[in-house]
Amino acid sequence: MTTTPAPEETTVRLHTAMDAAVGLTPDDISNVQSLIDVGEFLVAFETLCTQIYEWEIRLEPDVIRDLEGLGTALGARRELTDHLWEDVAGA
């Protein structure tokens, strides 16, 4: 069973992924940050993954693996991170 990470750890991990997602728009970053600020970590995670996929932003495999772990801990749908591998494989 996976335990939910502390809010501080979740925030750091989401920020790490945002930093790695070069090409994410300022609006996307602001939206995710607003969700983090109010403790909506699952929605922030879902929004971040969706926008990374929509903008076809390529992430390093270690960043995707961390997002997979975070998504599992938050109870997110697995396909949110599965889609992120498409841009790695197609690189």
PDB file of N, CA and C in Angstrom:
ATOM      1  N   MET A   1       0.851  -1.193   0.000  1.00  0.00           N
ATOM      2  CA  MET A   1       0.000   0.000   0.000  1.00  0.00           C
ATOM      3  C   MET A   1       0.890   1.249   0.000  1.00  0.00           C
ATOM      4  N   THR A   2       0.546   2.187  -0.843  1.00  0.00           N
ATOM      5  CA  THR A   2       1.317   3.418  -0.946  1.00  0.00           C
ATOM      6  C   THR A   2       0.719   4.467  -0.017  1.00  0.00           C
ATOM      7  N   THR A   3       1.577   5.140   0.717  1.00  0.00           N
ATOM      8  CA  THR A   3       1.100   6.201   1.598  1.00  0.00           C
ATOM      9  C   THR A   3       1.189   7.525   0.862  1.00  0.00           C
ATOM     10  N   THR A   4       0.272   8.406   1.155  1.00  0.00           N
ATOM     11  CA  THR A   4       0.267   9.720   0.550  1.00  0.00           C
ATOM     12  C   THR A   4       1.417  10.540   1.125  1.00  0.00           C
ATOM     13  N   PRO A   5       2.231  11.146   0.254  1.00  0.00           N
ATOM     14  CA  PRO A   5       3.340  11.955   0.767  1.00  0.00           C
ATOM     15  C   PRO A   5       2.828  13.197   1.498  1.00  0.00           C
ATOM     16  N   ALA A   6       3.668  13.725   2.360  1.00  0.00           N
ATOM     17  CA  ALA A   6       3.315  14.956   3.074  1.00  0.00           C
ATOM     18  C   ALA A   6       3.087  16.077   2.060  1.00  0.00           C
ATOM     19  N   PRO A   7       2.252  17.051   2.405  1.00  0.00           N
ATOM     20  CA  PRO A   7       1.990  18.162   1.480  1.00  0.00           C
ATOM     21  C   PRO A   7       3.269  18.853   0.994  1.00  0.00           C
ATOM     22  N   GLU A   8       4.241  19.001   1.893  1.00  0.00           N
ATOM     23  CA  GLU A   8       5.484  19.670   1.502  1.00  0.00           C
ATOM     24  C   GLU A   8       6.225  18.861   0.432  1.00  0.00           C
ATOM     25  N   GLU A   9       6.268  17.540   0.609  1.00  0.00           N
ATOM     26  CA  GLU A   9       6.935  16.677  -0.371  1.00  0.00           C
ATOM     27  C   GLU A   9       6.189  16.692  -1.701  1.00  0.00           C
ATOM     28  N   THR A  10       4.870  16.639  -1.630  1.00  0.00           N
ATOM     29  CA  THR A  10       4.064  16.683  -2.854  1.00  0.00           C
ATOM     30  C   THR A  10       4.315  17.984  -3.594  1.00  0.00           C
ATOM     31  N   THR A  11       4.357  19.079  -2.882  1.00  0.00           N
ATOM     32  CA  THR A  11       4.607  20.390  -3.494  1.00  0.00           C
ATOM     33  C   THR A  11       5.963  20.408  -4.192  1.00  0.00           C
ATOM     34  N   VAL A  12       6.986  19.907  -3.519  1.00  0.00           N
ATOM     35  CA  VAL A  12       8.331  19.876  -4.107  1.00  0.00           C
ATOM     36  C   VAL A  12       8.338  19.033  -5.378  1.00  0.00           C
ATOM     37  N   ARG A  13       7.703  17.879  -5.330  1.00  0.00           N
ATOM     38  CA  ARG A  13       7.695  16.985  -6.490  1.00  0.00           C
ATOM     39  C   ARG A  13       6.920  17.597  -7.663  1.00  0.00           C
ATOM     40  N   LEU A  14       5.837  18.267  -7.384  1.00  0.00           N
ATOM     41  CA  LEU A  14       5.093  18.945  -8.457  1.00  0.00           C
ATOM     42  C   LEU A  14       5.914  20.092  -9.032  1.00  0.00           C
ATOM     43  N   HIS A  15       6.583  20.844  -8.182  1.00  0.00           N
ATOM     44  CA  HIS A  15       7.432  21.943  -8.655  1.00  0.00           C
ATOM     45  C   HIS A  15       8.600  21.422  -9.489  1.00  0.00           C
ATOM     46  N   THR A  16       9.168  20.299  -9.094  1.00  0.00           N
ATOM     47  CA  THR A  16      10.264  19.696  -9.857  1.00  0.00           C
ATOM     48  C   THR A  16       9.785  19.341 -11.265  1.00  0.00           C
ATOM     49  N   ALA A  17       8.603  18.759 -11.349  1.00  0.00           N
ATOM     50  CA  ALA A  17       8.046  18.401 -12.659  1.00  0.00           C
ATOM     51  C   ALA A  17       7.727  19.655 -13.481  1.00  0.00           C
ATOM     52  N   MET A  18       7.197  20.689 -12.830  1.00  0.00           N
ATOM     53  CA  MET A  18       6.913  21.938 -13.559  1.00  0.00           C
ATOM     54  C   MET A  18       8.197  22.552 -14.091  1.00  0.00           C
ATOM     55  N   ASP A  19       9.245  22.541 -13.280  1.00  0.00           N
ATOM     56  CA  ASP A  19      10.537  23.084 -13.713  1.00  0.00           C
ATOM     57  C   ASP A  19      11.094  22.315 -14.905  1.00  0.00           C
ATOM     58  N   ALA A  20      10.871  21.011 -14.917  1.00  0.00           N
ATOM     59  CA  ALA A  20      11.381  20.161 -15.997  1.00  0.00           C
ATOM     60  C   ALA A  20      10.555  20.302 -17.277  1.00  0.00           C
ATOM     61  N   ALA A  21       9.326  20.768 -17.146  1.00  0.00           N
ATOM     62  CA  ALA A  21       8.410  20.864 -18.290  1.00  0.00           C
ATOM     63  C   ALA A  21       8.623  22.185 -19.035  1.00  0.00           C
ATOM     64  N   VAL A  22       9.758  22.263 -19.715  1.00  0.00           N
ATOM     65  CA  VAL A  22      10.090  23.471 -20.472  1.00  0.00           C
ATOM     66  C   VAL A  22       9.087  23.615 -21.612  1.00  0.00           C
ATOM     67  N   GLY A  23       8.427  24.755 -21.644  1.00  0.00           N
ATOM     68  CA  GLY A  23       7.406  24.995 -22.653  1.00  0.00           C
ATOM     69  C   GLY A  23       6.009  25.098 -22.067  1.00  0.00           C
ATOM     70  N   LEU A  24       5.889  24.800 -20.772  1.00  0.00           N
ATOM     71  CA  LEU A  24       4.610  24.971 -20.094  1.00  0.00           C
ATOM     72  C   LEU A  24       4.306  26.465 -20.040  1.00  0.00           C
ATOM     73  N   THR A  25       3.084  26.854 -20.337  1.00  0.00           N
ATOM     74  CA  THR A  25       2.753  28.276 -20.387  1.00  0.00           C
ATOM     75  C   THR A  25       2.670  28.866 -18.978  1.00  0.00           C
ATOM     76  N   PRO A  26       2.883  30.174 -18.866  1.00  0.00           N
ATOM     77  CA  PRO A  26       2.723  30.828 -17.558  1.00  0.00           C
ATOM     78  C   PRO A  26       1.327  30.601 -16.967  1.00  0.00           C
ATOM     79  N   ASP A  27       0.307  30.574 -17.807  1.00  0.00           N
ATOM     80  CA  ASP A  27      -1.052  30.320 -17.310  1.00  0.00           C
ATOM     81  C   ASP A  27      -1.165  28.918 -16.715  1.00  0.00           C
ATOM     82  N   ASP A  28      -0.559  27.936 -17.391  1.00  0.00           N
ATOM     83  CA  ASP A  28      -0.597  26.570 -16.873  1.00  0.00           C
ATOM     84  C   ASP A  28       0.108  26.488 -15.529  1.00  0.00           C
ATOM     85  N   ILE A  29       1.279  27.107 -15.443  1.00  0.00           N
ATOM     86  CA  ILE A  29       2.039  27.111 -14.197  1.00  0.00           C
ATOM     87  C   ILE A  29       1.235  27.780 -13.089  1.00  0.00           C
ATOM     88  N   SER A  30       0.618  28.889 -13.398  1.00  0.00           N
ATOM     89  CA  SER A  30      -0.195  29.619 -12.429  1.00  0.00           C
ATOM     90  C   SER A  30      -1.389  28.779 -11.960  1.00  0.00           C
ATOM     91  N   ASN A  31      -2.034  28.097 -12.906  1.00  0.00           N
ATOM     92  CA  ASN A  31      -3.189  27.256 -12.552  1.00  0.00           C
ATOM     93  C   ASN A  31      -2.777  26.126 -11.619  1.00  0.00           C
ATOM     94  N   VAL A  32      -1.682  25.451 -11.944  1.00  0.00           N
ATOM     95  CA  VAL A  32      -1.214  24.356 -11.094  1.00  0.00           C
ATOM     96  C   VAL A  32      -0.813  24.892  -9.719  1.00  0.00           C
ATOM     97  N   GLN A  33      -0.123  26.024  -9.704  1.00  0.00           N
ATOM     98  CA  GLN A  33       0.290  26.614  -8.425  1.00  0.00           C
ATOM     99  C   GLN A  33      -0.914  27.001  -7.577  1.00  0.00           C
ATOM    100  N   SER A  34      -1.939  27.538  -8.196  1.00  0.00           N
ATOM    101  CA  SER A  34      -3.158  27.893  -7.445  1.00  0.00           C
ATOM    102  C   SER A  34      -3.775  26.670  -6.787  1.00  0.00           C
ATOM    103  N   LEU A  35      -3.774  25.550  -7.504  1.00  0.00           N
ATOM    104  CA  LEU A  35      -4.322  24.312  -6.940  1.00  0.00           C
ATOM    105  C   LEU A  35      -3.454  23.795  -5.798  1.00  0.00           C
ATOM    106  N   ILE A  36      -2.141  23.893  -5.957  1.00  0.00           N
ATOM    107  CA  ILE A  36      -1.223  23.497  -4.881  1.00  0.00           C
ATOM    108  C   ILE A  36      -1.473  24.360  -3.646  1.00  0.00           C
ATOM    109  N   ASP A  37      -1.632  25.646  -3.861  1.00  0.00           N
ATOM    110  CA  ASP A  37      -1.813  26.598  -2.758  1.00  0.00           C
ATOM    111  C   ASP A  37      -3.024  26.273  -1.892  1.00  0.00           C
ATOM    112  N   VAL A  38      -4.063  25.713  -2.498  1.00  0.00           N
ATOM    113  CA  VAL A  38      -5.269  25.393  -1.728  1.00  0.00           C
ATOM    114  C   VAL A  38      -5.337  23.910  -1.352  1.00  0.00           C
ATOM    115  N   GLY A  39      -4.228  23.186  -1.580  1.00  0.00           N
ATOM    116  CA  GLY A  39      -4.162  21.794  -1.160  1.00  0.00           C
ATOM    117  C   GLY A  39      -4.853  20.799  -2.073  1.00  0.00           C
ATOM    118  N   GLU A  40      -5.179  21.221  -3.286  1.00  0.00           N
ATOM    119  CA  GLU A  40      -5.818  20.322  -4.261  1.00  0.00           C
ATOM    120  C   GLU A  40      -4.732  19.603  -5.063  1.00  0.00           C
ATOM    121  N   PHE A  41      -3.974  18.732  -4.389  1.00  0.00           N
ATOM    122  CA  PHE A  41      -2.808  18.114  -5.007  1.00  0.00           C
ATOM    123  C   PHE A  41      -3.163  17.170  -6.146  1.00  0.00           C
ATOM    124  N   LEU A  42      -4.230  16.395  -5.997  1.00  0.00           N
ATOM    125  CA  LEU A  42      -4.622  15.481  -7.072  1.00  0.00           C
ATOM    126  C   LEU A  42      -5.022  16.259  -8.320  1.00  0.00           C
ATOM    127  N   VAL A  43      -5.811  17.301  -8.149  1.00  0.00           N
ATOM    128  CA  VAL A  43      -6.240  18.109  -9.296  1.00  0.00           C
ATOM    129  C   VAL A  43      -5.036  18.826  -9.915  1.00  0.00           C
ATOM    130  N   ALA A  44      -4.117  19.293  -9.075  1.00  0.00           N
ATOM    131  CA  ALA A  44      -2.895  19.926  -9.582  1.00  0.00           C
ATOM    132  C   ALA A  44      -2.090  18.929 -10.404  1.00  0.00           C
ATOM    133  N   PHE A  45      -1.958  17.705  -9.901  1.00  0.00           N
ATOM    134  CA  PHE A  45      -1.236  16.648 -10.606  1.00  0.00           C
ATOM    135  C   PHE A  45      -1.903  16.355 -11.949  1.00  0.00           C
ATOM    136  N   GLU A  46      -3.216  16.167 -11.927  1.00  0.00           N
ATOM    137  CA  GLU A  46      -3.956  15.864 -13.162  1.00  0.00           C
ATOM    138  C   GLU A  46      -3.810  16.992 -14.180  1.00  0.00           C
ATOM    139  N   THR A  47      -3.910  18.225 -13.718  1.00  0.00           N
ATOM    140  CA  THR A  47      -3.777  19.381 -14.611  1.00  0.00           C
ATOM    141  C   THR A  47      -2.377  19.438 -15.202  1.00  0.00           C
ATOM    142  N   LEU A  48      -1.375  19.254 -14.362  1.00  0.00           N
ATOM    143  CA  LEU A  48       0.008  19.304 -14.829  1.00  0.00           C
ATOM    144  C   LEU A  48       0.272  18.232 -15.879  1.00  0.00           C
ATOM    145  N   CYS A  49      -0.100  17.006 -15.598  1.00  0.00           N
ATOM    146  CA  CYS A  49       0.133  15.923 -16.557  1.00  0.00           C
ATOM    147  C   CYS A  49      -0.615  16.153 -17.867  1.00  0.00           C
ATOM    148  N   THR A  50      -1.842  16.621 -17.761  1.00  0.00           N
ATOM    149  CA  THR A  50      -2.640  16.886 -18.957  1.00  0.00           C
ATOM    150  C   THR A  50      -1.989  17.966 -19.817  1.00  0.00           C
ATOM    151  N   GLN A  51      -1.530  19.040 -19.198  1.00  0.00           N
ATOM    152  CA  GLN A  51      -0.925  20.128 -19.957  1.00  0.00           C
ATOM    153  C   GLN A  51       0.423  19.724 -20.560  1.00  0.00           C
ATOM    154  N   ILE A  52       1.197  18.936 -19.835  1.00  0.00           N
ATOM    155  CA  ILE A  52       2.464  18.442 -20.385  1.00  0.00           C
ATOM    156  C   ILE A  52       2.169  17.608 -21.636  1.00  0.00           C
ATOM    157  N   TYR A  53       1.163  16.766 -21.554  1.00  0.00           N
ATOM    158  CA  TYR A  53       0.798  15.928 -22.695  1.00  0.00           C
ATOM    159  C   TYR A  53       0.264  16.785 -23.841  1.00  0.00           C
ATOM    160  N   GLU A  54      -0.640  17.707 -23.537  1.00  0.00           N
ATOM    161  CA  GLU A  54      -1.250  18.542 -24.576  1.00  0.00           C
ATOM    162  C   GLU A  54      -0.217  19.371 -25.340  1.00  0.00           C
ATOM    163  N   TRP A  55       0.761  19.885 -24.630  1.00  0.00           N
ATOM    164  CA  TRP A  55       1.803  20.707 -25.256  1.00  0.00           C
ATOM    165  C   TRP A  55       2.944  19.855 -25.836  1.00  0.00           C
ATOM    166  N   GLU A  56       2.807  18.529 -25.721  1.00  0.00           N
ATOM    167  CA  GLU A  56       3.816  17.593 -26.232  1.00  0.00           C
ATOM    168  C   GLU A  56       5.215  17.918 -25.704  1.00  0.00           C
ATOM    169  N   ILE A  57       5.254  18.184 -24.399  1.00  0.00           N
ATOM    170  CA  ILE A  57       6.518  18.507 -23.733  1.00  0.00           C
ATOM    171  C   ILE A  57       7.225  17.203 -23.386  1.00  0.00           C
ATOM    172  N   ARG A  58       8.444  17.107 -23.793  1.00  0.00           N
ATOM    173  CA  ARG A  58       9.256  15.915 -23.546  1.00  0.00           C
ATOM    174  C   ARG A  58       9.913  16.039 -22.178  1.00  0.00           C
ATOM    175  N   LEU A  59       9.739  15.017 -21.360  1.00  0.00           N
ATOM    176  CA  LEU A  59      10.347  14.981 -20.025  1.00  0.00           C
ATOM    177  C   LEU A  59      11.391  13.869 -19.975  1.00  0.00           C
ATOM    178  N   GLU A  60      12.357  14.052 -19.109  1.00  0.00           N
ATOM    179  CA  GLU A  60      13.349  13.001 -18.864  1.00  0.00           C
ATOM    180  C   GLU A  60      12.651  11.824 -18.175  1.00  0.00           C
ATOM    181  N   PRO A  61      13.111  10.597 -18.466  1.00  0.00           N
ATOM    182  CA  PRO A  61      12.483   9.415 -17.860  1.00  0.00           C
ATOM    183  C   PRO A  61      12.413   9.449 -16.330  1.00  0.00           C
ATOM    184  N   ASP A  62      13.432   9.995 -15.662  1.00  0.00           N
ATOM    185  CA  ASP A  62      13.388  10.030 -14.197  1.00  0.00           C
ATOM    186  C   ASP A  62      12.281  10.943 -13.686  1.00  0.00           C
ATOM    187  N   VAL A  63      11.967  12.008 -14.430  1.00  0.00           N
ATOM    188  CA  VAL A  63      10.874  12.906 -14.036  1.00  0.00           C
ATOM    189  C   VAL A  63       9.537  12.183 -14.204  1.00  0.00           C
ATOM    190  N   ILE A  64       9.391  11.452 -15.304  1.00  0.00           N
ATOM    191  CA  ILE A  64       8.147  10.713 -15.523  1.00  0.00           C
ATOM    192  C   ILE A  64       7.980   9.631 -14.458  1.00  0.00           C
ATOM    193  N   ARG A  65       9.054   8.936 -14.136  1.00  0.00           N
ATOM    194  CA  ARG A  65       8.969   7.900 -13.090  1.00  0.00           C
ATOM    195  C   ARG A  65       8.549   8.508 -11.748  1.00  0.00           C
ATOM    196  N   ASP A  66       9.073   9.681 -11.425  1.00  0.00           N
ATOM    197  CA  ASP A  66       8.675  10.321 -10.174  1.00  0.00           C
ATOM    198  C   ASP A  66       7.202  10.718 -10.225  1.00  0.00           C
ATOM    199  N   LEU A  67       6.762  11.234 -11.373  1.00  0.00           N
ATOM    200  CA  LEU A  67       5.344  11.575 -11.516  1.00  0.00           C
ATOM    201  C   LEU A  67       4.471  10.327 -11.388  1.00  0.00           C
ATOM    202  N   GLU A  68       4.938   9.205 -11.938  1.00  0.00           N
ATOM    203  CA  GLU A  68       4.175   7.960 -11.793  1.00  0.00           C
ATOM    204  C   GLU A  68       4.001   7.598 -10.321  1.00  0.00           C
ATOM    205  N   GLY A  69       5.087   7.686  -9.571  1.00  0.00           N
ATOM    206  CA  GLY A  69       5.018   7.371  -8.148  1.00  0.00           C
ATOM    207  C   GLY A  69       4.113   8.320  -7.390  1.00  0.00           C
ATOM    208  N   LEU A  70       4.222   9.591  -7.717  1.00  0.00           N
ATOM    209  CA  LEU A  70       3.374  10.585  -7.062  1.00  0.00           C
ATOM    210  C   LEU A  70       1.915  10.358  -7.424  1.00  0.00           C
ATOM    211  N   GLY A  71       1.657  10.086  -8.696  1.00  0.00           N
ATOM    212  CA  GLY A  71       0.285   9.818  -9.134  1.00  0.00           C
ATOM    213  C   GLY A  71      -0.320   8.627  -8.420  1.00  0.00           C
ATOM    214  N   THR A  72       0.462   7.566  -8.256  1.00  0.00           N
ATOM    215  CA  THR A  72      -0.008   6.388  -7.533  1.00  0.00           C
ATOM    216  C   THR A  72      -0.355   6.755  -6.091  1.00  0.00           C
ATOM    217  N   ALA A  73       0.523   7.517  -5.459  1.00  0.00           N
ATOM    218  CA  ALA A  73       0.297   7.919  -4.068  1.00  0.00           C
ATOM    219  C   ALA A  73      -0.937   8.808  -3.920  1.00  0.00           C
ATOM    220  N   LEU A  74      -1.203   9.627  -4.941  1.00  0.00           N
ATOM    221  CA  LEU A  74      -2.359  10.539  -4.890  1.00  0.00           C
ATOM    222  C   LEU A  74      -3.650   9.882  -5.358  1.00  0.00           C
ATOM    223  N   GLY A  75      -3.538   8.694  -5.951  1.00  0.00           N
ATOM    224  CA  GLY A  75      -4.737   8.005  -6.446  1.00  0.00           C
ATOM    225  C   GLY A  75      -5.166   8.455  -7.834  1.00  0.00           C
ATOM    226  N   ALA A  76      -4.221   8.958  -8.616  1.00  0.00           N
ATOM    227  CA  ALA A  76      -4.531   9.437  -9.969  1.00  0.00           C
ATOM    228  C   ALA A  76      -4.670   8.259 -10.930  1.00  0.00           C
ATOM    229  N   ARG A  77      -5.368   8.504 -12.022  1.00  0.00           N
ATOM    230  CA  ARG A  77      -5.492   7.507 -13.079  1.00  0.00           C
ATOM    231  C   ARG A  77      -4.132   7.285 -13.742  1.00  0.00           C
ATOM    232  N   ARG A  78      -3.749   6.055 -13.942  1.00  0.00           N
ATOM    233  CA  ARG A  78      -2.434   5.697 -14.479  1.00  0.00           C
ATOM    234  C   ARG A  78      -2.209   6.257 -15.898  1.00  0.00           C
ATOM    235  N   GLU A  79      -3.273   6.370 -16.692  1.00  0.00           N
ATOM    236  CA  GLU A  79      -3.088   6.836 -18.072  1.00  0.00           C
ATOM    237  C   GLU A  79      -2.564   8.269 -18.149  1.00  0.00           C
ATOM    238  N   LEU A  80      -2.717   9.033 -17.068  1.00  0.00           N
ATOM    239  CA  LEU A  80      -2.182  10.400 -17.070  1.00  0.00           C
ATOM    240  C   LEU A  80      -0.668  10.408 -17.250  1.00  0.00           C
ATOM    241  N   THR A  81       0.003   9.450 -16.628  1.00  0.00           N
ATOM    242  CA  THR A  81       1.457   9.388 -16.796  1.00  0.00           C
ATOM    243  C   THR A  81       1.846   8.450 -17.935  1.00  0.00           C
ATOM    244  N   ASP A  82       1.031   7.459 -18.227  1.00  0.00           N
ATOM    245  CA  ASP A  82       1.335   6.570 -19.353  1.00  0.00           C
ATOM    246  C   ASP A  82       1.493   7.370 -20.637  1.00  0.00           C
ATOM    247  N   HIS A  83       0.645   8.373 -20.840  1.00  0.00           N
ATOM    248  CA  HIS A  83       0.705   9.209 -22.049  1.00  0.00           C
ATOM    249  C   HIS A  83       2.025   9.969 -22.149  1.00  0.00           C
ATOM    250  N   LEU A  84       2.629  10.283 -21.019  1.00  0.00           N
ATOM    251  CA  LEU A  84       3.866  11.079 -21.044  1.00  0.00           C
ATOM    252  C   LEU A  84       5.033  10.308 -21.653  1.00  0.00           C
ATOM    253  N   TRP A  85       4.965   8.986 -21.633  1.00  0.00           N
ATOM    254  CA  TRP A  85       6.027   8.170 -22.223  1.00  0.00           C
ATOM    255  C   TRP A  85       6.017   8.248 -23.744  1.00  0.00           C
ATOM    256  N   GLU A  86       4.866   8.606 -24.340  1.00  0.00           N
ATOM    257  CA  GLU A  86       4.760   8.668 -25.799  1.00  0.00           C
ATOM    258  C   GLU A  86       5.791   9.614 -26.395  1.00  0.00           C
ATOM    259  N   ASP A  87       5.964  10.766 -25.781  1.00  0.00           N
ATOM    260  CA  ASP A  87       6.904  11.756 -26.311  1.00  0.00           C
ATOM    261  C   ASP A  87       8.358  11.346 -26.062  1.00  0.00           C
ATOM    262  N   VAL A  88       8.588  10.511 -25.046  1.00  0.00           N
ATOM    263  CA  VAL A  88       9.943  10.006 -24.807  1.00  0.00           C
ATOM    264  C   VAL A  88      10.277   8.964 -25.863  1.00  0.00           C
ATOM    265  N   ALA A  89       9.346   8.045 -26.102  1.00  0.00           N
ATOM    266  CA  ALA A  89       9.578   6.973 -27.060  1.00  0.00           C
ATOM    267  C   ALA A  89       9.704   7.516 -28.483  1.00  0.00           C
ATOM    268  N   GLY A  90       8.978   8.589 -28.762  1.00  0.00           N
ATOM    269  CA  GLY A  90       9.000   9.169 -30.104  1.00  0.00           C
ATOM    270  C   GLY A  90      10.123  10.170 -30.313  1.00  0.00           C
ATOM    271  N   ALA A  91      11.009  10.311 -29.328  1.00  0.00           N
ATOM    272  CA  ALA A  91      12.073  11.314 -29.419  1.00  0.00           C
ATOM    273  C   ALA A  91      13.067  10.999 -30.521  1.00  0.00           C
TER     274      ALA A  91
END
